[in-house]
Amino acid sequence: MRDTSKLATVIAMLRRKEGATIEQLVKATDWQAHSVRGAISGAIKKKLSLNVTSIKTDDSRVYQIAG
């Protein structure tokens, strides 16, 4: 995977200590929200076998790659 790809951007944001919300990922990639969720579910969880967790906050959900 290229370091400059949008998927690489999503993975880098999910690896941050604070994780990322769908809204932050949409803004960073210029994708629609359903595309970001699909990338997390399909490419990141299933194909790359990365463990993505989510935590519900007061106003949104924060996603993060565990470990």
C-alpha atoms as a PDB file:
ATOM      1  CA  MET A   1       0.000   0.000   0.000  1.00  0.00           C
ATOM      2  CA  ARG A   2       1.275   3.464  -0.856  1.00  0.00           C
ATOM      3  CA  ASP A   3       1.992   5.779   2.060  1.00  0.00           C
ATOM      4  CA  THR A   4       0.063   8.540   0.294  1.00  0.00           C
ATOM      5  CA  SER A   5      -3.113   6.554  -0.375  1.00  0.00           C
ATOM      6  CA  LYS A   6      -6.382   7.480   1.312  1.00  0.00           C
ATOM      7  CA  LEU A   7      -6.546   4.059   2.949  1.00  0.00           C
ATOM      8  CA  ALA A   8      -3.087   4.650   4.432  1.00  0.00           C
ATOM      9  CA  THR A   9      -4.358   7.986   5.759  1.00  0.00           C
ATOM     10  CA  VAL A  10      -7.314   6.258   7.421  1.00  0.00           C
ATOM     11  CA  ILE A  11      -5.057   3.636   9.004  1.00  0.00           C
ATOM     12  CA  ALA A  12      -2.640   6.298  10.281  1.00  0.00           C
ATOM     13  CA  MET A  13      -5.495   8.257  11.836  1.00  0.00           C
ATOM     14  CA  LEU A  14      -6.921   5.122  13.469  1.00  0.00           C
ATOM     15  CA  ARG A  15      -3.498   4.306  14.949  1.00  0.00           C
ATOM     16  CA  ARG A  16      -3.308   7.649  16.741  1.00  0.00           C
ATOM     17  CA  LYS A  17      -3.635   7.540  20.515  1.00  0.00           C
ATOM     18  CA  GLU A  18      -6.920   9.471  20.350  1.00  0.00           C
ATOM     19  CA  GLY A  19      -8.249   7.527  17.349  1.00  0.00           C
ATOM     20  CA  ALA A  20     -10.591   9.229  14.876  1.00  0.00           C
ATOM     21  CA  THR A  21     -14.268   9.856  14.316  1.00  0.00           C
ATOM     22  CA  ILE A  22     -16.077   9.164  11.060  1.00  0.00           C
ATOM     23  CA  GLU A  23     -16.375  12.924  10.554  1.00  0.00           C
ATOM     24  CA  GLN A  24     -12.590  13.389  10.869  1.00  0.00           C
ATOM     25  CA  LEU A  25     -11.956  10.539   8.440  1.00  0.00           C
ATOM     26  CA  VAL A  26     -14.472  11.948   5.939  1.00  0.00           C
ATOM     27  CA  LYS A  27     -12.747  15.327   6.054  1.00  0.00           C
ATOM     28  CA  ALA A  28      -9.266  13.817   5.649  1.00  0.00           C
ATOM     29  CA  THR A  29     -10.148  11.519   2.737  1.00  0.00           C
ATOM     30  CA  ASP A  30     -12.954  13.375   0.939  1.00  0.00           C
ATOM     31  CA  TRP A  31     -14.965  10.142   1.053  1.00  0.00           C
ATOM     32  CA  GLN A  32     -18.591   9.850   2.095  1.00  0.00           C
ATOM     33  CA  ALA A  33     -19.340   8.463   5.557  1.00  0.00           C
ATOM     34  CA  HIS A  34     -20.594   5.115   4.242  1.00  0.00           C
ATOM     35  CA  SER A  35     -17.360   4.705   2.260  1.00  0.00           C
ATOM     36  CA  VAL A  36     -15.253   5.294   5.371  1.00  0.00           C
ATOM     37  CA  ARG A  37     -17.290   2.741   7.322  1.00  0.00           C
ATOM     38  CA  GLY A  38     -16.950   0.290   4.424  1.00  0.00           C
ATOM     39  CA  ALA A  39     -13.179   0.764   4.329  1.00  0.00           C
ATOM     40  CA  ILE A  40     -12.956   0.135   8.074  1.00  0.00           C
ATOM     41  CA  SER A  41     -15.128  -2.972   7.839  1.00  0.00           C
ATOM     42  CA  GLY A  42     -13.862  -4.449   4.584  1.00  0.00           C
ATOM     43  CA  ALA A  43     -10.308  -3.382   3.851  1.00  0.00           C
ATOM     44  CA  ILE A  44      -9.001  -2.757   7.343  1.00  0.00           C
ATOM     45  CA  LYS A  45     -10.788  -5.372   9.456  1.00  0.00           C
ATOM     46  CA  LYS A  46     -11.289  -8.208   6.977  1.00  0.00           C
ATOM     47  CA  LYS A  47      -8.479  -7.928   4.417  1.00  0.00           C
ATOM     48  CA  LEU A  48      -5.722  -6.520   6.647  1.00  0.00           C
ATOM     49  CA  SER A  49      -6.953  -8.319   9.797  1.00  0.00           C
ATOM     50  CA  LEU A  50      -6.460  -5.280  12.008  1.00  0.00           C
ATOM     51  CA  ASN A  51      -8.487  -5.077  15.213  1.00  0.00           C
ATOM     52  CA  VAL A  52     -10.549  -1.877  15.086  1.00  0.00           C
ATOM     53  CA  THR A  53     -12.393  -0.896  18.243  1.00  0.00           C
ATOM     54  CA  SER A  54     -14.929   1.852  18.778  1.00  0.00           C
ATOM     55  CA  ILE A  55     -15.914   3.826  21.828  1.00  0.00           C
ATOM     56  CA  LYS A  56     -19.166   5.749  22.066  1.00  0.00           C
ATOM     57  CA  THR A  57     -18.708   9.264  23.427  1.00  0.00           C
ATOM     58  CA  ASP A  58     -21.421  11.782  24.228  1.00  0.00           C
ATOM     59  CA  ASP A  59     -21.798  13.060  20.680  1.00  0.00           C
ATOM     60  CA  SER A  60     -19.960  10.623  18.394  1.00  0.00           C
ATOM     61  CA  ARG A  61     -18.131   7.333  18.095  1.00  0.00           C
ATOM     62  CA  VAL A  62     -14.307   7.165  18.134  1.00  0.00           C
ATOM     63  CA  TYR A  63     -12.591   4.387  16.175  1.00  0.00           C
ATOM     64  CA  GLN A  64      -9.080   3.141  16.916  1.00  0.00           C
ATOM     65  CA  ILE A  65      -6.822   0.291  15.886  1.00  0.00           C
ATOM     66  CA  ALA A  66      -6.192  -1.722  19.046  1.00  0.00           C
ATOM     67  CA  GLY A  67      -2.692  -2.727  19.996  1.00  0.00           C
END
